[in-house]
Amino acid sequence: MAKCTFLGLGVMGYPMAGHLVGAGHEVSVWNRTQAKAVSWAAEYDGHAFETIAEAIKDADFIFLCVGEDKDVYAVMEEVLPEAKTGTIITDHTTASDACARECYAKAKEKGLGFVDAPISGGEAGAVNGQLTVMCGGDEANFQAAEPIIQSYAKAVKLMGPSGAGQLTKMVNQICIAGLLQGLSEAVLFAQKAGLDMEEVHSAIGKGAAQSWQMDNRAITMAKDEFDFGFAVDWMRKDLGIVMETAKSLGIELPITELVDGYYADVQEMGGGRWDTSSLLRRLT
């Protein structure tokens, strides 16, 4: 059993922290809105604290799952002076690779470990403990944190040095953006052609067109259902990081840039909190 602290109890963090308890760890939590931390502690028999300093006292492992770079920096400013030497910090936020490397360097100066570990799998993956975790950092820190992360993951992999986890997550989001636009066009085509999308899926879902997005979103898209957790607002945040990074690498991502613009259109339609598969609504 390890002493763990989880900072950030959003759609993903809330169930992830619960899985740590289920795995037998002693878990303390903090959330910007303390009522949610109190609710979590009551549900999972954990410990809720009003301040980060109180929550991380004596923690062996600290986990973050917050919004974006600025939130990571804000939390780390409070973590770094208070965490005990040797504590390993694992950041599950989808942030920039530059943020990861800066946090890694500052943590190392304080005698702390830092692993950037963005996640994929959505709300369902978090609830079911079936997340994919892409990590960057030192091998020793990863090896120490991996058994704890396994509490809510189906796959955990070290991709390279600090920042490599975030870069891998960017690759993930590039793939998803293109897939969802293609799937949106396919569903629209099927509907306009008078085909039953469930029958279409049963026919092509095991062939070359198969994907997680098709298996999990094609039917719900056809039913005009877009309430599955990972919102357009968050996808645009992620794609913004992708585009900035691509610029720094001196490369163009024309399809990703195009789809990002389509998501901006969905936001204009009032769909900022719709699931990312709502690209279809822009076409209909």
Protein backbone atom coordinates (compact mmCIF):
# COMPACT_ATOMS: atom_id res chain seq x y z
CA MET A 1 0.00 0.00 0.00
CA ALA A 2 1.26 3.47 -0.90
CA LYS A 3 0.28 6.88 0.42
CA CYS A 4 -1.18 8.69 -2.58
CA THR A 5 -2.60 12.14 -3.14
CA PHE A 6 -4.79 13.00 -6.11
CA LEU A 7 -5.12 16.66 -7.09
CA GLY A 8 -8.02 17.44 -9.43
CA LEU A 9 -11.31 15.55 -9.32
CA GLY A 10 -12.89 16.29 -12.66
CA VAL A 11 -14.61 13.86 -15.00
CA MET A 12 -11.43 11.79 -15.21
CA GLY A 13 -9.74 12.36 -11.86
CA TYR A 14 -12.74 11.51 -9.67
CA PRO A 15 -13.02 7.85 -10.75
CA MET A 16 -9.23 7.48 -11.15
CA ALA A 17 -8.70 8.43 -7.51
CA GLY A 18 -11.41 5.94 -6.60
CA HIS A 19 -9.54 3.14 -8.34
CA LEU A 20 -6.48 3.92 -6.21
CA VAL A 21 -8.57 3.21 -3.13
CA GLY A 22 -9.90 0.04 -4.74
CA ALA A 23 -6.32 -1.11 -5.27
CA GLY A 24 -5.66 -0.79 -1.55
CA HIS A 25 -3.81 2.52 -1.40
CA GLU A 26 -4.32 5.23 1.20
CA VAL A 27 -5.65 8.19 -0.76
CA SER A 28 -5.97 11.89 0.05
CA VAL A 29 -7.59 14.33 -2.37
CA TRP A 30 -7.82 18.01 -3.13
CA ASN A 31 -10.02 19.80 -5.62
CA ARG A 32 -10.43 23.47 -6.45
CA THR A 33 -14.10 23.13 -5.47
CA GLN A 34 -13.78 21.49 -2.09
CA ALA A 35 -17.34 20.19 -2.03
CA LYS A 36 -16.37 17.69 -4.70
CA ALA A 37 -13.41 16.50 -2.64
CA VAL A 38 -15.68 16.04 0.38
CA SER A 39 -18.16 14.12 -1.75
CA TRP A 40 -15.39 11.91 -3.12
CA ALA A 41 -14.05 11.18 0.39
CA ALA A 42 -17.51 10.15 1.56
CA GLU A 43 -18.00 7.87 -1.44
CA TYR A 44 -14.60 6.19 -1.35
CA ASP A 45 -13.67 6.36 2.33
CA GLY A 46 -10.69 8.61 1.60
CA HIS A 47 -9.40 11.88 2.99
CA ALA A 48 -10.35 15.33 1.66
CA PHE A 49 -8.28 18.43 2.38
CA GLU A 50 -8.83 22.14 1.87
CA THR A 51 -5.27 22.89 0.81
CA ILE A 52 -2.72 21.19 -1.41
CA ALA A 53 -0.10 21.43 1.33
CA GLU A 54 -2.29 19.44 3.72
CA ALA A 55 -3.26 16.90 1.06
CA ILE A 56 0.30 16.03 0.01
CA LYS A 57 1.82 15.79 3.48
CA ASP A 58 3.73 12.48 3.72
CA ALA A 59 2.55 11.37 0.25
CA ASP A 60 4.74 8.87 -1.59
CA PHE A 61 2.97 9.57 -4.89
CA ILE A 62 1.19 12.71 -6.04
CA PHE A 63 -1.12 12.64 -9.06
CA LEU A 64 -2.38 15.66 -11.00
CA CYS A 65 -5.28 15.78 -13.42
CA VAL A 66 -6.16 19.41 -14.04
CA GLY A 67 -7.06 21.57 -17.03
CA GLU A 68 -4.08 22.91 -18.97
CA ASP A 69 -0.55 24.27 -18.66
CA LYS A 70 -1.44 27.22 -16.43
CA ASP A 71 -3.28 24.93 -14.02
CA VAL A 72 -0.34 22.52 -13.86
CA TYR A 73 2.04 25.39 -13.11
CA ALA A 74 -0.29 26.76 -10.42
CA VAL A 75 -0.59 23.40 -8.66
CA MET A 76 3.12 22.67 -8.95
CA GLU A 77 3.94 26.01 -7.30
CA GLU A 78 2.18 24.72 -4.21
CA VAL A 79 3.44 21.15 -4.47
CA LEU A 80 7.17 21.79 -4.89
CA PRO A 81 7.85 23.52 -1.54
CA GLU A 82 5.78 21.01 0.46
CA ALA A 83 6.36 17.55 -1.02
CA LYS A 84 8.79 15.34 0.87
CA THR A 85 12.06 14.34 -0.79
CA GLY A 86 11.69 11.30 -3.01
CA THR A 87 8.02 11.77 -3.75
CA ILE A 88 7.07 11.01 -7.34
CA ILE A 89 4.68 13.39 -9.08
CA THR A 90 2.66 12.01 -11.99
CA ASP A 91 0.82 14.53 -14.16
CA HIS A 92 -2.15 13.11 -16.07
CA THR A 93 -3.12 16.50 -17.50
CA THR A 94 -2.93 16.87 -21.27
CA ALA A 95 -0.45 19.74 -21.45
CA SER A 96 2.48 20.87 -23.57
CA ASP A 97 5.77 19.01 -23.68
CA ALA A 98 7.48 22.28 -22.66
CA CYS A 99 5.36 22.37 -19.49
CA ALA A 100 6.34 18.78 -18.74
CA ARG A 101 10.04 19.44 -19.13
CA GLU A 102 9.93 22.57 -16.98
CA CYS A 103 8.05 20.78 -14.20
CA TYR A 104 10.45 17.85 -14.44
CA ALA A 105 13.47 20.14 -14.03
CA LYS A 106 11.98 22.01 -11.08
CA ALA A 107 10.95 18.78 -9.39
CA LYS A 108 14.41 17.30 -9.84
CA GLU A 109 15.97 20.37 -8.20
CA LYS A 110 13.82 19.64 -5.14
CA GLY A 111 14.71 15.94 -5.02
CA LEU A 112 11.36 14.90 -6.46
CA GLY A 113 10.44 12.71 -9.41
CA PHE A 114 8.15 13.92 -12.20
CA VAL A 115 6.44 11.83 -14.88
CA ASP A 116 4.26 13.38 -17.59
CA ALA A 117 1.51 10.83 -18.16
CA PRO A 118 -1.41 12.05 -20.28
CA ILE A 119 -4.29 9.63 -20.65
CA SER A 120 -6.62 8.39 -23.37
CA GLY A 121 -9.86 6.48 -23.07
CA GLY A 122 -12.38 9.11 -22.09
CA GLU A 123 -14.77 9.13 -19.17
CA ALA A 124 -15.72 5.48 -19.74
CA GLY A 125 -12.07 4.47 -19.61
CA ALA A 126 -11.60 6.31 -16.33
CA VAL A 127 -14.74 4.85 -14.76
CA ASN A 128 -13.89 1.32 -15.89
CA GLY A 129 -10.16 1.55 -15.08
CA GLN A 130 -9.26 0.99 -18.73
CA LEU A 131 -7.16 4.04 -19.60
CA THR A 132 -4.13 4.17 -21.86
CA VAL A 133 -1.29 6.13 -20.24
CA MET A 134 1.61 7.57 -22.27
CA CYS A 135 4.55 8.51 -20.07
CA GLY A 136 7.69 10.61 -20.27
CA GLY A 137 10.47 10.84 -17.68
CA ASP A 138 13.23 8.88 -15.99
CA GLU A 139 13.08 5.09 -16.06
CA ALA A 140 13.40 4.78 -12.26
CA ASN A 141 10.52 7.16 -11.57
CA PHE A 142 8.36 5.44 -14.16
CA GLN A 143 9.09 2.00 -12.72
CA ALA A 144 8.08 3.22 -9.27
CA ALA A 145 4.86 4.89 -10.45
CA GLU A 146 3.72 2.26 -12.96
CA PRO A 147 2.26 -0.26 -10.46
CA ILE A 148 0.19 2.54 -8.91
CA ILE A 149 -0.98 3.82 -12.30
CA GLN A 150 -2.05 0.27 -13.19
CA SER A 151 -4.91 0.77 -10.73
CA TYR A 152 -6.87 2.57 -13.46
CA ALA A 153 -5.09 1.62 -16.68
CA LYS A 154 -5.16 -1.14 -19.27
CA ALA A 155 -1.88 0.03 -20.84
CA VAL A 156 1.01 2.07 -19.44
CA LYS A 157 4.14 2.76 -21.48
CA LEU A 158 7.26 4.89 -21.05
CA MET A 159 7.76 6.71 -24.36
CA GLY A 160 11.06 8.43 -23.62
CA PRO A 161 12.47 11.33 -21.59
CA SER A 162 10.43 14.12 -20.03
CA GLY A 163 7.87 15.48 -22.50
CA ALA A 164 7.63 12.29 -24.55
CA GLY A 165 4.32 11.34 -22.97
CA GLN A 166 2.77 14.66 -23.94
CA LEU A 167 4.14 14.42 -27.47
CA THR A 168 2.64 10.94 -27.81
CA LYS A 169 -0.73 12.26 -26.64
CA MET A 170 -0.50 14.88 -29.41
CA VAL A 171 -0.07 12.07 -31.94
CA ASN A 172 -3.15 10.42 -30.41
CA GLN A 173 -5.25 13.57 -30.82
CA ILE A 174 -4.10 14.11 -34.42
CA CYS A 175 -5.30 10.59 -35.23
CA ILE A 176 -8.64 11.06 -33.47
CA ALA A 177 -9.38 14.40 -35.17
CA GLY A 178 -8.96 12.92 -38.64
CA LEU A 179 -10.86 9.75 -37.78
CA LEU A 180 -13.86 11.60 -36.40
CA GLN A 181 -14.15 13.89 -39.41
CA GLY A 182 -13.99 10.88 -41.72
CA LEU A 183 -16.55 9.03 -39.62
CA SER A 184 -18.86 12.05 -39.57
CA GLU A 185 -18.79 12.22 -43.36
CA ALA A 186 -19.36 8.46 -43.59
CA VAL A 187 -22.39 8.55 -41.27
CA LEU A 188 -23.87 11.48 -43.20
CA PHE A 189 -23.31 9.66 -46.49
CA ALA A 190 -24.96 6.49 -45.17
CA GLN A 191 -27.97 8.39 -43.85
CA LYS A 192 -28.50 10.37 -47.06
CA ALA A 193 -28.13 7.17 -49.08
CA GLY A 194 -30.93 5.56 -47.06
CA LEU A 195 -28.75 3.00 -45.28
CA ASP A 196 -29.21 1.76 -41.72
CA MET A 197 -26.04 2.72 -39.81
CA GLU A 198 -26.24 -0.31 -37.54
CA GLU A 199 -26.31 -2.57 -40.60
CA VAL A 200 -23.48 -0.60 -42.18
CA HIS A 201 -21.40 -0.99 -39.04
CA SER A 202 -22.02 -4.73 -38.91
CA ALA A 203 -20.88 -4.97 -42.52
CA ILE A 204 -17.70 -2.86 -42.40
CA GLY A 205 -16.87 -2.81 -38.70
CA LYS A 206 -14.55 -5.80 -38.89
CA GLY A 207 -12.75 -4.70 -42.05
CA ALA A 208 -10.17 -2.08 -42.95
CA ALA A 209 -12.44 0.78 -41.83
CA GLN A 210 -12.67 -0.52 -38.26
CA SER A 211 -11.61 1.81 -35.44
CA TRP A 212 -12.43 2.50 -31.81
CA GLN A 213 -14.32 5.58 -32.93
CA MET A 214 -16.44 3.57 -35.36
CA ASP A 215 -17.16 0.84 -32.81
CA ASN A 216 -18.10 3.27 -30.03
CA ARG A 217 -19.49 6.34 -31.81
CA ALA A 218 -20.92 5.50 -35.24
CA ILE A 219 -24.30 4.35 -33.90
CA THR A 220 -24.62 7.11 -31.31
CA MET A 221 -23.71 9.70 -33.96
CA ALA A 222 -26.47 8.34 -36.19
CA LYS A 223 -28.85 8.71 -33.24
CA ASP A 224 -27.74 12.32 -32.69
CA GLU A 225 -26.34 11.52 -29.22
CA PHE A 226 -23.31 13.56 -28.14
CA ASP A 227 -22.97 13.38 -24.36
CA PHE A 228 -20.05 11.02 -23.78
CA GLY A 229 -17.66 13.01 -21.63
CA PHE A 230 -14.77 14.32 -23.74
CA ALA A 231 -15.97 17.74 -24.80
CA VAL A 232 -15.24 19.79 -27.90
CA ASP A 233 -13.81 22.55 -25.68
CA TRP A 234 -11.15 20.16 -24.41
CA MET A 235 -10.38 18.82 -27.86
CA ARG A 236 -9.80 22.36 -29.10
CA LYS A 237 -7.43 22.93 -26.17
CA ASP A 238 -5.53 19.79 -27.12
CA LEU A 239 -5.42 20.63 -30.81
CA GLY A 240 -4.19 24.12 -29.96
CA ILE A 241 -1.21 22.50 -28.24
CA VAL A 242 -0.72 20.25 -31.26
CA MET A 243 -0.70 23.15 -33.71
CA GLU A 244 1.72 25.20 -31.61
CA THR A 245 4.06 22.23 -31.34
CA ALA A 246 3.84 21.52 -35.06
CA LYS A 247 4.79 25.13 -35.72
CA SER A 248 7.85 24.77 -33.48
CA LEU A 249 8.81 21.62 -35.41
CA GLY A 250 8.50 23.43 -38.72
CA ILE A 251 5.79 21.16 -40.09
CA GLU A 252 2.24 21.60 -41.39
CA LEU A 253 -0.75 19.52 -40.33
CA PRO A 254 -3.39 20.57 -42.87
CA ILE A 255 -6.07 18.03 -41.96
CA THR A 256 -5.68 18.63 -38.23
CA GLU A 257 -5.84 22.39 -38.76
CA LEU A 258 -8.96 22.00 -40.88
CA VAL A 259 -10.72 19.81 -38.30
CA ASP A 260 -9.76 22.22 -35.53
CA GLY A 261 -11.56 24.90 -37.51
CA TYR A 262 -14.59 22.63 -37.79
CA TYR A 263 -14.59 22.20 -34.01
CA ALA A 264 -14.55 25.99 -33.73
CA ASP A 265 -17.73 25.97 -35.83
CA VAL A 266 -19.29 23.46 -33.43
CA GLN A 267 -18.44 25.77 -30.53
CA GLU A 268 -20.18 28.61 -32.38
CA MET A 269 -23.23 26.35 -32.62
CA GLY A 270 -23.26 26.12 -28.82
CA GLY A 271 -21.64 22.68 -28.76
CA GLY A 272 -18.60 23.36 -26.63
CA ARG A 273 -19.65 20.71 -24.14
CA TRP A 274 -20.83 18.19 -26.73
CA ASP A 275 -18.76 15.07 -27.26
CA THR A 276 -16.08 15.28 -29.96
CA SER A 277 -18.14 13.06 -32.29
CA SER A 278 -20.50 16.04 -32.66
CA LEU A 279 -18.55 17.05 -35.78
CA LEU A 280 -21.46 15.39 -37.56
CA ARG A 281 -23.81 18.19 -36.49
CA ARG A 282 -21.75 20.67 -38.45
CA LEU A 283 -22.56 18.73 -41.62
CA THR A 284 -26.28 18.28 -41.05
